[in-house]
């Protein structure tokens, strides 16, 4: 579990800590729909249908290119060819809202 610290806009002396987990697996489960697995065992779907892709993300408007997604283990997130990637924090938040199942850890 990683933590990212930010300053509160209302109380600048208070530091907010946001927890998130690295993405360890990605599976294309539909057009513009990904199933993400996180290091903490969270498994959830993220639906990108209907999003407008602009700037560096414009190539993602092609479903075939979008399906070329892979895990970037160094960044702990998902990425596409030519270095296009996404911040893991919002992906984690959305995946947690669309849980598929919790991974079982065996020792």
N, C-alpha and C. Protein backbone atom coordinates (compact mmCIF):
# COMPACT_ATOMS: atom_id res chain seq x y z
N UNK A 1 0.85 -1.17 0.00
CA UNK A 1 0.00 0.00 0.00
C UNK A 1 0.89 1.23 0.00
N UNK A 2 0.66 2.12 -0.93
CA UNK A 2 1.41 3.37 -0.99
C UNK A 2 0.58 4.48 -0.40
N UNK A 3 1.25 5.52 0.03
CA UNK A 3 0.54 6.68 0.55
C UNK A 3 1.05 7.92 -0.17
N UNK A 4 0.14 8.77 -0.50
CA UNK A 4 0.48 10.03 -1.11
C UNK A 4 -0.01 11.12 -0.19
N UNK A 5 0.83 12.07 0.10
CA UNK A 5 0.48 13.15 1.03
C UNK A 5 0.21 14.43 0.26
N UNK A 6 -0.85 15.14 0.66
CA UNK A 6 -1.17 16.44 0.11
C UNK A 6 -1.56 17.36 1.25
N UNK A 7 -1.45 18.63 1.02
CA UNK A 7 -1.86 19.62 2.02
C UNK A 7 -3.35 19.92 1.87
N UNK A 8 -4.01 20.09 2.98
CA UNK A 8 -5.41 20.47 2.99
C UNK A 8 -5.53 21.89 2.48
N UNK A 9 -6.50 22.17 1.62
CA UNK A 9 -6.69 23.53 1.12
C UNK A 9 -7.32 24.43 2.18
N UNK A 10 -8.07 23.84 3.08
CA UNK A 10 -8.73 24.61 4.14
C UNK A 10 -7.80 24.86 5.32
N UNK A 11 -6.96 23.91 5.62
CA UNK A 11 -6.03 24.01 6.75
C UNK A 11 -4.65 23.58 6.27
N UNK A 12 -3.86 24.52 5.73
CA UNK A 12 -2.59 24.17 5.10
C UNK A 12 -1.59 23.45 6.00
N UNK A 13 -1.75 23.52 7.30
CA UNK A 13 -0.82 22.82 8.18
C UNK A 13 -1.19 21.35 8.34
N UNK A 14 -2.37 20.97 7.86
CA UNK A 14 -2.82 19.58 7.96
C UNK A 14 -2.45 18.86 6.67
N UNK A 15 -1.81 17.72 6.80
CA UNK A 15 -1.43 16.92 5.65
C UNK A 15 -2.43 15.78 5.51
N UNK A 16 -3.02 15.64 4.32
CA UNK A 16 -3.95 14.55 4.04
C UNK A 16 -3.17 13.38 3.46
N UNK A 17 -3.49 12.18 3.88
CA UNK A 17 -2.82 10.98 3.37
C UNK A 17 -3.84 10.16 2.61
N UNK A 18 -3.55 9.91 1.35
CA UNK A 18 -4.42 9.12 0.49
C UNK A 18 -3.74 7.79 0.23
N UNK A 19 -4.41 6.70 0.56
CA UNK A 19 -3.82 5.38 0.35
C UNK A 19 -4.29 4.82 -0.99
N UNK A 20 -3.39 4.13 -1.66
CA UNK A 20 -3.73 3.43 -2.87
C UNK A 20 -2.76 2.27 -3.04
N UNK A 21 -3.07 1.42 -3.97
CA UNK A 21 -2.30 0.21 -4.18
C UNK A 21 -1.89 0.12 -5.64
N UNK A 22 -0.73 -0.45 -5.90
CA UNK A 22 -0.27 -0.63 -7.28
C UNK A 22 -1.19 -1.57 -8.06
N UNK A 23 -1.33 -1.31 -9.34
CA UNK A 23 -2.03 -2.22 -10.24
C UNK A 23 -1.07 -3.34 -10.60
N UNK A 24 -1.51 -4.59 -10.44
CA UNK A 24 -0.65 -5.73 -10.72
C UNK A 24 -1.12 -6.52 -11.94
N UNK A 25 -2.37 -6.30 -12.36
CA UNK A 25 -2.90 -7.05 -13.50
C UNK A 25 -4.00 -6.23 -14.16
N UNK A 26 -4.08 -6.32 -15.48
CA UNK A 26 -5.15 -5.66 -16.23
C UNK A 26 -5.68 -6.65 -17.26
N UNK A 27 -6.99 -6.64 -17.41
CA UNK A 27 -7.66 -7.51 -18.38
C UNK A 27 -8.71 -6.68 -19.10
N UNK A 28 -8.72 -6.75 -20.44
CA UNK A 28 -9.75 -6.08 -21.22
C UNK A 28 -10.98 -6.98 -21.19
N UNK A 29 -12.08 -6.46 -20.62
CA UNK A 29 -13.29 -7.28 -20.46
C UNK A 29 -14.44 -6.77 -21.32
N UNK A 30 -14.20 -5.78 -22.14
CA UNK A 30 -15.20 -5.23 -23.05
C UNK A 30 -14.60 -4.03 -23.74
N UNK A 31 -15.33 -3.50 -24.71
CA UNK A 31 -14.82 -2.32 -25.39
C UNK A 31 -14.77 -1.17 -24.39
N UNK A 32 -13.59 -0.67 -24.15
CA UNK A 32 -13.34 0.42 -23.20
C UNK A 32 -13.68 0.04 -21.75
N UNK A 33 -13.58 -1.23 -21.44
CA UNK A 33 -13.82 -1.69 -20.06
C UNK A 33 -12.65 -2.56 -19.63
N UNK A 34 -12.06 -2.21 -18.47
CA UNK A 34 -10.90 -2.93 -17.96
C UNK A 34 -11.20 -3.51 -16.59
N UNK A 35 -10.67 -4.68 -16.33
CA UNK A 35 -10.70 -5.28 -14.99
C UNK A 35 -9.30 -5.13 -14.42
N UNK A 36 -9.20 -4.39 -13.32
CA UNK A 36 -7.91 -4.11 -12.70
C UNK A 36 -7.76 -4.89 -11.40
N UNK A 37 -6.59 -5.46 -11.20
CA UNK A 37 -6.25 -6.13 -9.96
C UNK A 37 -5.14 -5.32 -9.30
N UNK A 38 -5.31 -5.07 -8.00
CA UNK A 38 -4.37 -4.25 -7.24
C UNK A 38 -3.60 -5.11 -6.26
N UNK A 39 -2.45 -4.63 -5.84
CA UNK A 39 -1.57 -5.38 -4.94
C UNK A 39 -2.24 -5.74 -3.62
N UNK A 40 -3.25 -4.97 -3.20
CA UNK A 40 -3.92 -5.27 -1.93
C UNK A 40 -5.04 -6.29 -2.09
N UNK A 41 -5.21 -6.85 -3.30
CA UNK A 41 -6.24 -7.86 -3.55
C UNK A 41 -7.52 -7.31 -4.13
N UNK A 42 -7.67 -6.00 -4.21
CA UNK A 42 -8.86 -5.40 -4.81
C UNK A 42 -8.91 -5.74 -6.29
N UNK A 43 -10.09 -6.19 -6.75
CA UNK A 43 -10.32 -6.45 -8.17
C UNK A 43 -11.61 -5.72 -8.55
N UNK A 44 -11.51 -4.83 -9.51
CA UNK A 44 -12.68 -4.07 -9.91
C UNK A 44 -12.62 -3.66 -11.36
N UNK A 45 -13.80 -3.35 -11.90
CA UNK A 45 -13.90 -2.93 -13.29
C UNK A 45 -13.93 -1.41 -13.38
N UNK A 46 -13.29 -0.91 -14.43
CA UNK A 46 -13.30 0.52 -14.73
C UNK A 46 -13.81 0.66 -16.16
N UNK A 47 -14.88 1.43 -16.33
CA UNK A 47 -15.52 1.61 -17.63
C UNK A 47 -15.13 2.97 -18.19
N UNK A 48 -14.48 2.96 -19.34
CA UNK A 48 -14.04 4.20 -19.99
C UNK A 48 -14.95 4.59 -21.15
N UNK A 49 -16.05 3.88 -21.38
CA UNK A 49 -16.96 4.17 -22.48
C UNK A 49 -17.52 5.58 -22.33
N UNK A 50 -17.61 6.27 -23.42
CA UNK A 50 -18.19 7.61 -23.41
C UNK A 50 -17.21 8.72 -23.05
N UNK A 51 -15.98 8.37 -22.71
CA UNK A 51 -15.01 9.41 -22.37
C UNK A 51 -14.47 10.05 -23.64
N UNK A 52 -14.21 11.33 -23.56
CA UNK A 52 -13.61 12.04 -24.69
C UNK A 52 -12.10 12.01 -24.50
N UNK A 53 -11.39 11.48 -25.48
CA UNK A 53 -9.95 11.35 -25.41
C UNK A 53 -9.31 12.50 -26.16
N UNK A 54 -8.56 13.32 -25.44
CA UNK A 54 -7.92 14.49 -26.03
C UNK A 54 -6.43 14.50 -25.70
N UNK A 55 -5.71 15.29 -26.45
CA UNK A 55 -4.27 15.45 -26.19
C UNK A 55 -3.54 14.13 -26.32
N UNK A 56 -2.68 13.82 -25.34
CA UNK A 56 -1.89 12.59 -25.39
C UNK A 56 -2.78 11.35 -25.33
N UNK A 57 -4.01 11.50 -24.84
CA UNK A 57 -4.92 10.36 -24.74
C UNK A 57 -5.73 10.11 -26.01
N UNK A 58 -5.62 10.97 -27.00
CA UNK A 58 -6.42 10.84 -28.23
C UNK A 58 -6.30 9.47 -28.90
N UNK A 59 -5.11 8.84 -28.94
CA UNK A 59 -5.03 7.51 -29.56
C UNK A 59 -5.94 6.47 -28.89
N UNK A 60 -6.33 6.69 -27.62
CA UNK A 60 -7.18 5.74 -26.92
C UNK A 60 -8.61 5.71 -27.48
N UNK A 61 -8.94 6.66 -28.36
CA UNK A 61 -10.27 6.65 -28.98
C UNK A 61 -10.43 5.49 -29.95
N UNK A 62 -9.32 4.87 -30.35
CA UNK A 62 -9.35 3.68 -31.21
C UNK A 62 -9.44 2.46 -30.30
N UNK A 63 -10.56 1.70 -30.36
CA UNK A 63 -10.72 0.54 -29.47
C UNK A 63 -9.59 -0.48 -29.56
N UNK A 64 -9.03 -0.66 -30.75
CA UNK A 64 -7.92 -1.62 -30.91
C UNK A 64 -6.68 -1.13 -30.16
N UNK A 65 -6.41 0.16 -30.22
CA UNK A 65 -5.28 0.72 -29.49
C UNK A 65 -5.54 0.67 -27.98
N UNK A 66 -6.75 1.01 -27.58
CA UNK A 66 -7.11 0.97 -26.16
C UNK A 66 -6.88 -0.43 -25.60
N UNK A 67 -7.18 -1.46 -26.38
CA UNK A 67 -7.04 -2.85 -25.94
C UNK A 67 -5.57 -3.28 -25.80
N UNK A 68 -4.64 -2.45 -26.20
CA UNK A 68 -3.20 -2.77 -26.08
C UNK A 68 -2.65 -2.38 -24.70
N UNK A 69 -3.53 -2.12 -23.77
CA UNK A 69 -3.14 -1.72 -22.41
C UNK A 69 -2.30 -2.81 -21.74
N UNK A 70 -1.40 -2.39 -20.89
CA UNK A 70 -0.55 -3.32 -20.13
C UNK A 70 -0.24 -2.69 -18.77
N UNK A 71 0.23 -3.51 -17.86
CA UNK A 71 0.65 -3.01 -16.55
C UNK A 71 2.06 -2.43 -16.68
N UNK A 72 2.25 -1.25 -16.11
CA UNK A 72 3.58 -0.65 -15.98
C UNK A 72 4.02 -0.91 -14.54
N UNK A 73 4.83 -1.96 -14.30
CA UNK A 73 5.19 -2.31 -12.93
C UNK A 73 6.00 -1.23 -12.21
N UNK A 74 6.77 -0.45 -12.94
CA UNK A 74 7.54 0.62 -12.30
C UNK A 74 6.64 1.73 -11.79
N UNK A 75 5.59 2.04 -12.54
CA UNK A 75 4.67 3.10 -12.14
C UNK A 75 3.52 2.60 -11.29
N UNK A 76 3.33 1.27 -11.26
CA UNK A 76 2.22 0.71 -10.51
C UNK A 76 0.87 1.05 -11.10
N UNK A 77 0.85 1.24 -12.42
CA UNK A 77 -0.38 1.65 -13.08
C UNK A 77 -0.51 0.97 -14.43
N UNK A 78 -1.46 1.42 -15.24
CA UNK A 78 -1.63 0.89 -16.58
C UNK A 78 -1.06 1.87 -17.58
N UNK A 79 -0.60 1.32 -18.72
CA UNK A 79 0.02 2.16 -19.74
C UNK A 79 -0.25 1.56 -21.12
N UNK A 80 -0.06 2.40 -22.12
CA UNK A 80 -0.21 2.01 -23.51
C UNK A 80 1.08 2.31 -24.23
N UNK A 81 1.25 1.79 -25.46
CA UNK A 81 2.45 2.09 -26.23
C UNK A 81 2.67 3.61 -26.35
N UNK A 82 3.88 4.00 -26.52
CA UNK A 82 4.30 5.40 -26.65
C UNK A 82 4.22 6.15 -25.33
N UNK A 83 4.18 5.43 -24.20
CA UNK A 83 4.28 6.07 -22.90
C UNK A 83 3.03 6.69 -22.33
N UNK A 84 1.88 6.45 -22.90
CA UNK A 84 0.64 6.98 -22.36
C UNK A 84 0.25 6.15 -21.14
N UNK A 85 0.06 6.82 -20.00
CA UNK A 85 -0.36 6.10 -18.80
C UNK A 85 -1.37 6.93 -18.02
N UNK A 86 -1.91 6.33 -16.98
CA UNK A 86 -2.91 7.01 -16.15
C UNK A 86 -2.50 6.93 -14.68
N UNK A 87 -2.89 7.94 -13.94
CA UNK A 87 -2.61 7.96 -12.50
C UNK A 87 -3.39 6.83 -11.83
N UNK A 88 -2.75 6.07 -10.94
CA UNK A 88 -3.42 4.92 -10.34
C UNK A 88 -4.50 5.29 -9.31
N UNK A 89 -4.40 6.46 -8.68
CA UNK A 89 -5.33 6.81 -7.60
C UNK A 89 -6.79 6.85 -8.05
N UNK A 90 -7.14 7.56 -9.13
CA UNK A 90 -8.55 7.54 -9.55
C UNK A 90 -8.99 6.18 -10.07
N UNK A 91 -8.06 5.42 -10.65
CA UNK A 91 -8.40 4.07 -11.12
C UNK A 91 -8.75 3.18 -9.92
N UNK A 92 -7.99 3.31 -8.85
CA UNK A 92 -8.24 2.53 -7.63
C UNK A 92 -9.60 2.91 -7.05
N UNK A 93 -9.88 4.20 -6.98
CA UNK A 93 -11.16 4.66 -6.43
C UNK A 93 -12.33 4.14 -7.24
N UNK A 94 -12.23 4.20 -8.57
CA UNK A 94 -13.33 3.72 -9.41
C UNK A 94 -13.47 2.20 -9.34
N UNK A 95 -12.35 1.50 -9.33
CA UNK A 95 -12.40 0.03 -9.23
C UNK A 95 -13.06 -0.40 -7.93
N UNK A 96 -12.80 0.33 -6.85
CA UNK A 96 -13.42 -0.01 -5.55
C UNK A 96 -14.93 0.22 -5.56
N UNK A 97 -15.41 1.06 -6.47
CA UNK A 97 -16.85 1.28 -6.60
C UNK A 97 -17.51 0.21 -7.47
N UNK A 98 -16.70 -0.56 -8.19
CA UNK A 98 -17.20 -1.59 -9.11
C UNK A 98 -16.46 -2.91 -8.86
N UNK A 99 -16.49 -3.36 -7.62
CA UNK A 99 -15.75 -4.55 -7.24
C UNK A 99 -16.27 -5.79 -7.96
N UNK A 100 -15.34 -6.65 -8.34
CA UNK A 100 -15.68 -7.92 -8.98
C UNK A 100 -15.62 -9.02 -7.94
N UNK A 101 -14.50 -9.11 -7.26
CA UNK A 101 -14.31 -10.07 -6.18
C UNK A 101 -13.02 -9.72 -5.46
N UNK A 102 -12.87 -10.20 -4.29
CA UNK A 102 -11.62 -9.99 -3.54
C UNK A 102 -10.73 -11.19 -3.76
N UNK A 103 -9.49 -10.94 -4.06
CA UNK A 103 -8.54 -12.03 -4.25
C UNK A 103 -8.29 -12.72 -2.90
N UNK A 104 -8.09 -14.00 -2.95
CA UNK A 104 -7.83 -14.77 -1.74
C UNK A 104 -6.32 -14.99 -1.61
N UNK A 105 -5.77 -14.63 -0.49
CA UNK A 105 -4.35 -14.81 -0.23
C UNK A 105 -4.14 -16.09 0.54
N UNK A 106 -3.27 -16.96 0.03
CA UNK A 106 -2.97 -18.22 0.71
C UNK A 106 -1.54 -18.19 1.17
N UNK A 107 -1.33 -18.70 2.38
CA UNK A 107 0.04 -18.75 2.93
C UNK A 107 0.51 -20.18 3.01
